[in-house]
Amino acid sequence: MACAAQHSTFNFFAVAAATAVVQQRERRPVGGTSLAMGLAAAALPSLPDYIEPALHPNHRKFFHSLAFVAGLAYAMRQVYVWEAEGEWERLARALLLAGGAAYLGHLALDALSAKSLPLI
């Protein structure tokens, strides 16, 4: 099982790279935003473990499941297409995307472990 430092490092690189790819695809300059999103995701390395604490090796339940991954991915897609108008809405959108990406990054590493993720 990956430790918090491994989750944090993975979250930083995965989210920064994904943000840079999206920016480039949308023909926007790649810059500080990708680093900021990566840092925000790195600051939340163990978000799923706060919801379902790792008290024993078989702690993975619904919030560590493939069903939750699918639901979270759908919710993140809705946030991504949300046309934020005001400054606060743009900030909320960025924080939701960074938090969701950190959560998905954590689950991606957990999925690659020996215990993997349950279906539900």
N, C-alpha and C. Protein backbone atom coordinates (compact mmCIF):
# COMPACT_ATOMS: atom_id res chain seq x y z
N MET A 1 0.85 -1.16 0.00
CA MET A 1 0.00 0.00 0.00
C MET A 1 0.90 1.24 0.00
N ALA A 2 0.56 2.21 -0.81
CA ALA A 2 1.36 3.43 -0.92
C ALA A 2 1.19 4.29 0.32
N CYS A 3 2.28 4.96 0.71
CA CYS A 3 2.21 5.86 1.86
C CYS A 3 1.79 7.26 1.39
N ALA A 4 1.57 8.14 2.34
CA ALA A 4 1.11 9.50 2.02
C ALA A 4 2.10 10.23 1.12
N ALA A 5 3.40 10.04 1.34
CA ALA A 5 4.41 10.71 0.50
C ALA A 5 4.33 10.22 -0.94
N GLN A 6 4.12 8.93 -1.13
CA GLN A 6 3.98 8.40 -2.50
C GLN A 6 2.71 8.92 -3.16
N HIS A 7 1.62 8.96 -2.42
CA HIS A 7 0.36 9.50 -2.94
C HIS A 7 0.54 10.97 -3.32
N SER A 8 1.22 11.73 -2.48
CA SER A 8 1.42 13.15 -2.72
C SER A 8 2.25 13.39 -3.97
N THR A 9 3.34 12.65 -4.11
CA THR A 9 4.20 12.78 -5.29
C THR A 9 3.45 12.40 -6.55
N PHE A 10 2.74 11.29 -6.51
CA PHE A 10 1.96 10.85 -7.68
C PHE A 10 0.90 11.89 -8.04
N ASN A 11 0.17 12.39 -7.03
CA ASN A 11 -0.86 13.40 -7.28
C ASN A 11 -0.27 14.64 -7.94
N PHE A 12 0.87 15.10 -7.45
CA PHE A 12 1.48 16.31 -8.03
C PHE A 12 1.77 16.11 -9.52
N PHE A 13 2.51 15.06 -9.84
CA PHE A 13 2.91 14.87 -11.24
C PHE A 13 1.72 14.55 -12.14
N ALA A 14 0.82 13.70 -11.67
CA ALA A 14 -0.33 13.32 -12.51
C ALA A 14 -1.24 14.50 -12.79
N VAL A 15 -1.56 15.28 -11.76
CA VAL A 15 -2.49 16.40 -11.93
C VAL A 15 -1.82 17.55 -12.69
N ALA A 16 -0.56 17.83 -12.42
CA ALA A 16 0.13 18.89 -13.17
C ALA A 16 0.22 18.52 -14.65
N ALA A 17 0.54 17.27 -14.94
CA ALA A 17 0.63 16.84 -16.34
C ALA A 17 -0.74 16.87 -17.02
N ALA A 18 -1.76 16.39 -16.33
CA ALA A 18 -3.11 16.38 -16.91
C ALA A 18 -3.59 17.80 -17.16
N THR A 19 -3.32 18.71 -16.24
CA THR A 19 -3.72 20.10 -16.42
C THR A 19 -3.00 20.72 -17.61
N ALA A 20 -1.71 20.42 -17.76
CA ALA A 20 -0.94 20.94 -18.89
C ALA A 20 -1.49 20.42 -20.21
N VAL A 21 -1.87 19.15 -20.24
CA VAL A 21 -2.44 18.57 -21.46
C VAL A 21 -3.76 19.25 -21.82
N VAL A 22 -4.61 19.47 -20.83
CA VAL A 22 -5.89 20.14 -21.08
C VAL A 22 -5.66 21.56 -21.57
N GLN A 23 -4.73 22.27 -20.93
CA GLN A 23 -4.44 23.64 -21.36
C GLN A 23 -3.94 23.67 -22.81
N GLN A 24 -3.08 22.75 -23.13
CA GLN A 24 -2.54 22.71 -24.49
C GLN A 24 -3.63 22.35 -25.49
N ARG A 25 -4.49 21.41 -25.14
CA ARG A 25 -5.58 21.01 -26.02
C ARG A 25 -6.55 22.16 -26.27
N GLU A 26 -6.76 22.99 -25.24
CA GLU A 26 -7.64 24.14 -25.38
C GLU A 26 -6.93 25.37 -25.93
N ARG A 27 -5.69 25.17 -26.37
CA ARG A 27 -4.87 26.23 -26.97
C ARG A 27 -4.67 27.41 -26.02
N ARG A 28 -4.51 27.07 -24.74
CA ARG A 28 -4.19 28.09 -23.74
C ARG A 28 -2.73 27.89 -23.35
N PRO A 29 -2.05 28.95 -22.94
CA PRO A 29 -0.64 28.79 -22.55
C PRO A 29 -0.50 27.89 -21.32
N VAL A 30 0.46 27.00 -21.38
CA VAL A 30 0.75 26.12 -20.25
C VAL A 30 1.69 26.88 -19.33
N GLY A 31 1.30 27.01 -18.08
CA GLY A 31 2.13 27.79 -17.16
C GLY A 31 1.89 27.43 -15.73
N GLY A 32 1.74 28.45 -14.91
CA GLY A 32 1.62 28.27 -13.47
C GLY A 32 0.38 27.54 -13.03
N THR A 33 -0.67 27.55 -13.85
CA THR A 33 -1.90 26.89 -13.45
C THR A 33 -1.68 25.39 -13.26
N SER A 34 -0.92 24.77 -14.16
CA SER A 34 -0.70 23.33 -14.02
C SER A 34 0.10 23.02 -12.77
N LEU A 35 1.08 23.86 -12.44
CA LEU A 35 1.83 23.66 -11.20
C LEU A 35 0.96 23.88 -9.97
N ALA A 36 0.11 24.91 -10.01
CA ALA A 36 -0.77 25.20 -8.88
C ALA A 36 -1.75 24.05 -8.65
N MET A 37 -2.32 23.53 -9.73
CA MET A 37 -3.25 22.40 -9.59
C MET A 37 -2.52 21.17 -9.06
N GLY A 38 -1.31 20.93 -9.53
CA GLY A 38 -0.52 19.81 -9.03
C GLY A 38 -0.21 19.95 -7.55
N LEU A 39 0.16 21.16 -7.13
CA LEU A 39 0.44 21.40 -5.71
C LEU A 39 -0.81 21.23 -4.85
N ALA A 40 -1.95 21.71 -5.36
CA ALA A 40 -3.20 21.56 -4.62
C ALA A 40 -3.54 20.08 -4.44
N ALA A 41 -3.37 19.29 -5.49
CA ALA A 41 -3.65 17.85 -5.40
C ALA A 41 -2.64 17.15 -4.49
N ALA A 42 -1.39 17.61 -4.51
CA ALA A 42 -0.37 17.01 -3.64
C ALA A 42 -0.64 17.31 -2.17
N ALA A 43 -1.34 18.41 -1.90
CA ALA A 43 -1.65 18.76 -0.52
C ALA A 43 -2.75 17.88 0.07
N LEU A 44 -3.42 17.11 -0.77
CA LEU A 44 -4.51 16.23 -0.32
C LEU A 44 -4.19 14.76 -0.64
N PRO A 45 -3.05 14.25 -0.18
CA PRO A 45 -2.65 12.91 -0.63
C PRO A 45 -3.50 11.77 -0.10
N SER A 46 -4.11 11.94 1.05
CA SER A 46 -4.83 10.84 1.69
C SER A 46 -6.29 11.16 1.93
N LEU A 47 -6.89 11.94 1.07
CA LEU A 47 -8.28 12.33 1.21
C LEU A 47 -9.21 11.13 1.40
N PRO A 48 -9.10 10.06 0.58
CA PRO A 48 -9.99 8.91 0.79
C PRO A 48 -9.78 8.22 2.15
N ASP A 49 -8.55 8.27 2.66
CA ASP A 49 -8.29 7.62 3.95
C ASP A 49 -8.84 8.42 5.12
N TYR A 50 -9.16 9.69 4.92
CA TYR A 50 -9.85 10.45 5.97
C TYR A 50 -11.31 10.03 6.04
N ILE A 51 -11.87 9.69 4.88
CA ILE A 51 -13.28 9.28 4.82
C ILE A 51 -13.43 7.83 5.29
N GLU A 52 -12.54 6.96 4.83
CA GLU A 52 -12.49 5.56 5.26
C GLU A 52 -11.10 5.27 5.79
N PRO A 53 -10.88 5.50 7.10
CA PRO A 53 -9.53 5.33 7.66
C PRO A 53 -8.98 3.93 7.45
N ALA A 54 -7.68 3.87 7.20
CA ALA A 54 -7.00 2.60 6.98
C ALA A 54 -6.65 1.96 8.33
N LEU A 55 -7.67 1.49 9.03
CA LEU A 55 -7.47 0.89 10.34
C LEU A 55 -7.01 -0.56 10.25
N HIS A 56 -7.26 -1.19 9.11
CA HIS A 56 -6.83 -2.57 8.89
C HIS A 56 -6.62 -2.74 7.38
N PRO A 57 -5.95 -3.81 6.96
CA PRO A 57 -5.65 -4.00 5.52
C PRO A 57 -6.89 -4.09 4.62
N ASN A 58 -8.03 -4.48 5.16
CA ASN A 58 -9.25 -4.62 4.35
C ASN A 58 -10.21 -3.46 4.58
N HIS A 59 -9.68 -2.24 4.74
CA HIS A 59 -10.52 -1.08 5.07
C HIS A 59 -11.29 -0.54 3.86
N ARG A 60 -10.99 -0.99 2.69
CA ARG A 60 -11.58 -0.41 1.49
C ARG A 60 -13.03 -0.84 1.31
N LYS A 61 -13.90 0.14 1.40
CA LYS A 61 -15.33 -0.08 1.21
C LYS A 61 -15.80 0.79 0.06
N PHE A 62 -16.99 1.37 0.15
CA PHE A 62 -17.59 2.10 -0.96
C PHE A 62 -16.74 3.28 -1.45
N PHE A 63 -16.16 4.07 -0.54
CA PHE A 63 -15.41 5.25 -0.95
C PHE A 63 -14.01 4.91 -1.48
N HIS A 64 -13.69 3.63 -1.52
CA HIS A 64 -12.48 3.12 -2.16
C HIS A 64 -12.88 2.09 -3.23
N SER A 65 -13.98 2.31 -3.92
CA SER A 65 -14.48 1.31 -4.87
C SER A 65 -14.49 1.83 -6.30
N LEU A 66 -14.60 0.91 -7.24
CA LEU A 66 -14.70 1.28 -8.65
C LEU A 66 -16.00 2.02 -8.93
N ALA A 67 -17.07 1.69 -8.20
CA ALA A 67 -18.34 2.40 -8.37
C ALA A 67 -18.18 3.86 -7.97
N PHE A 68 -17.44 4.12 -6.89
CA PHE A 68 -17.21 5.51 -6.48
C PHE A 68 -16.33 6.23 -7.48
N VAL A 69 -15.34 5.54 -8.05
CA VAL A 69 -14.48 6.13 -9.08
C VAL A 69 -15.34 6.61 -10.25
N ALA A 70 -16.27 5.77 -10.69
CA ALA A 70 -17.13 6.15 -11.81
C ALA A 70 -18.00 7.36 -11.47
N GLY A 71 -18.58 7.36 -10.28
CA GLY A 71 -19.40 8.49 -9.86
C GLY A 71 -18.60 9.78 -9.72
N LEU A 72 -17.41 9.68 -9.17
CA LEU A 72 -16.56 10.85 -9.01
C LEU A 72 -16.08 11.36 -10.37
N ALA A 73 -15.76 10.46 -11.28
CA ALA A 73 -15.34 10.87 -12.62
C ALA A 73 -16.48 11.62 -13.32
N TYR A 74 -17.71 11.13 -13.17
CA TYR A 74 -18.86 11.82 -13.76
C TYR A 74 -19.03 13.20 -13.14
N ALA A 75 -18.94 13.29 -11.82
CA ALA A 75 -19.09 14.57 -11.13
C ALA A 75 -18.00 15.55 -11.56
N MET A 76 -16.78 15.05 -11.72
CA MET A 76 -15.69 15.93 -12.16
C MET A 76 -15.91 16.41 -13.58
N ARG A 77 -16.48 15.57 -14.42
CA ARG A 77 -16.80 16.00 -15.79
C ARG A 77 -17.82 17.14 -15.76
N GLN A 78 -18.81 17.04 -14.89
CA GLN A 78 -19.81 18.09 -14.76
C GLN A 78 -19.17 19.39 -14.27
N VAL A 79 -18.25 19.30 -13.34
CA VAL A 79 -17.55 20.48 -12.84
C VAL A 79 -16.67 21.06 -13.94
N TYR A 80 -16.03 20.20 -14.71
CA TYR A 80 -15.14 20.65 -15.79
C TYR A 80 -15.89 21.45 -16.85
N VAL A 81 -17.10 21.03 -17.20
CA VAL A 81 -17.86 21.74 -18.24
C VAL A 81 -18.65 22.92 -17.67
N TRP A 82 -18.66 23.09 -16.36
CA TRP A 82 -19.35 24.19 -15.71
C TRP A 82 -18.70 25.50 -16.14
N GLU A 83 -19.49 26.42 -16.65
CA GLU A 83 -19.01 27.73 -17.08
C GLU A 83 -19.07 28.69 -15.90
N ALA A 84 -18.01 28.70 -15.12
CA ALA A 84 -17.94 29.57 -13.95
C ALA A 84 -17.88 31.03 -14.40
N GLU A 85 -18.72 31.86 -13.82
CA GLU A 85 -18.80 33.25 -14.25
C GLU A 85 -17.98 34.19 -13.37
N GLY A 86 -18.17 34.12 -12.08
CA GLY A 86 -17.48 35.03 -11.17
C GLY A 86 -16.15 34.47 -10.70
N GLU A 87 -15.40 35.31 -10.02
CA GLU A 87 -14.09 34.92 -9.49
C GLU A 87 -14.22 33.79 -8.47
N TRP A 88 -15.24 33.88 -7.59
CA TRP A 88 -15.45 32.84 -6.58
C TRP A 88 -15.84 31.52 -7.22
N GLU A 89 -16.63 31.57 -8.27
CA GLU A 89 -17.03 30.34 -8.96
C GLU A 89 -15.82 29.69 -9.63
N ARG A 90 -14.94 30.49 -10.20
CA ARG A 90 -13.73 29.94 -10.83
C ARG A 90 -12.83 29.29 -9.79
N LEU A 91 -12.73 29.93 -8.62
CA LEU A 91 -11.93 29.36 -7.54
C LEU A 91 -12.55 28.06 -7.04
N ALA A 92 -13.86 28.05 -6.85
CA ALA A 92 -14.55 26.82 -6.41
C ALA A 92 -14.36 25.71 -7.43
N ARG A 93 -14.47 26.05 -8.71
CA ARG A 93 -14.29 25.06 -9.78
C ARG A 93 -12.88 24.47 -9.72
N ALA A 94 -11.87 25.33 -9.57
CA ALA A 94 -10.48 24.85 -9.51
C ALA A 94 -10.26 23.96 -8.29
N LEU A 95 -10.80 24.35 -7.15
CA LEU A 95 -10.63 23.55 -5.94
C LEU A 95 -11.34 22.20 -6.04
N LEU A 96 -12.53 22.19 -6.62
CA LEU A 96 -13.25 20.93 -6.81
C LEU A 96 -12.51 20.00 -7.76
N LEU A 97 -11.96 20.56 -8.83
CA LEU A 97 -11.20 19.74 -9.78
C LEU A 97 -9.92 19.21 -9.15
N ALA A 98 -9.21 20.04 -8.39
CA ALA A 98 -7.98 19.59 -7.73
C ALA A 98 -8.29 18.53 -6.68
N GLY A 99 -9.33 18.74 -5.88
CA GLY A 99 -9.70 17.75 -4.87
C GLY A 99 -10.14 16.44 -5.48
N GLY A 100 -10.95 16.52 -6.54
CA GLY A 100 -11.38 15.30 -7.23
C GLY A 100 -10.22 14.57 -7.87
N ALA A 101 -9.30 15.32 -8.45
CA ALA A 101 -8.12 14.70 -9.07
C ALA A 101 -7.24 14.04 -8.02
N ALA A 102 -7.10 14.69 -6.86
CA ALA A 102 -6.31 14.09 -5.78
C ALA A 102 -6.95 12.78 -5.31
N TYR A 103 -8.27 12.78 -5.19
CA TYR A 103 -9.00 11.58 -4.76
C TYR A 103 -8.81 10.46 -5.79
N LEU A 104 -9.00 10.81 -7.08
CA LEU A 104 -8.83 9.80 -8.13
C LEU A 104 -7.39 9.31 -8.20
N GLY A 105 -6.43 10.20 -7.99
CA GLY A 105 -5.02 9.79 -7.98
C GLY A 105 -4.74 8.80 -6.86
N HIS A 106 -5.29 9.07 -5.70
CA HIS A 106 -5.13 8.15 -4.57
C HIS A 106 -5.69 6.78 -4.91
N LEU A 107 -6.91 6.78 -5.46
CA LEU A 107 -7.54 5.50 -5.80
C LEU A 107 -6.81 4.78 -6.93
N ALA A 108 -6.20 5.52 -7.84
CA ALA A 108 -5.42 4.90 -8.91
C ALA A 108 -4.24 4.13 -8.32
N LEU A 109 -3.54 4.73 -7.38
CA LEU A 109 -2.43 4.01 -6.74
C LEU A 109 -2.93 2.82 -5.94
N ASP A 110 -4.05 2.99 -5.23
CA ASP A 110 -4.61 1.87 -4.47
C ASP A 110 -5.04 0.73 -5.40
N ALA A 111 -5.54 1.07 -6.58
CA ALA A 111 -5.96 0.04 -7.54
C ALA A 111 -4.78 -0.80 -8.01
N LEU A 112 -3.59 -0.21 -8.01
CA LEU A 112 -2.41 -0.94 -8.46
C LEU A 112 -1.75 -1.76 -7.35
N SER A 113 -2.29 -1.67 -6.13
CA SER A 113 -1.73 -2.44 -5.02
C SER A 113 -2.28 -3.87 -5.03
N ALA A 114 -1.74 -4.69 -4.16
CA ALA A 114 -2.17 -6.10 -4.10
C ALA A 114 -3.65 -6.24 -3.71
N LYS A 115 -4.16 -5.34 -2.88
CA LYS A 115 -5.56 -5.40 -2.45
C LYS A 115 -6.51 -4.84 -3.50
N SER A 116 -6.02 -3.97 -4.37
CA SER A 116 -6.79 -3.34 -5.44
C SER A 116 -8.01 -2.60 -4.86
N LEU A 117 -9.06 -2.45 -5.69
CA LEU A 117 -10.29 -1.77 -5.26
C LEU A 117 -11.48 -2.71 -5.44
N PRO A 118 -12.42 -2.69 -4.49
CA PRO A 118 -13.62 -3.51 -4.67
C PRO A 118 -14.52 -2.89 -5.74
N LEU A 119 -15.42 -3.69 -6.30
CA LEU A 119 -16.35 -3.19 -7.30
C LEU A 119 -17.31 -2.16 -6.68
N ILE A 120 -17.88 -2.52 -5.54
CA ILE A 120 -18.81 -1.61 -4.83
C ILE A 120 -18.36 -1.48 -3.39
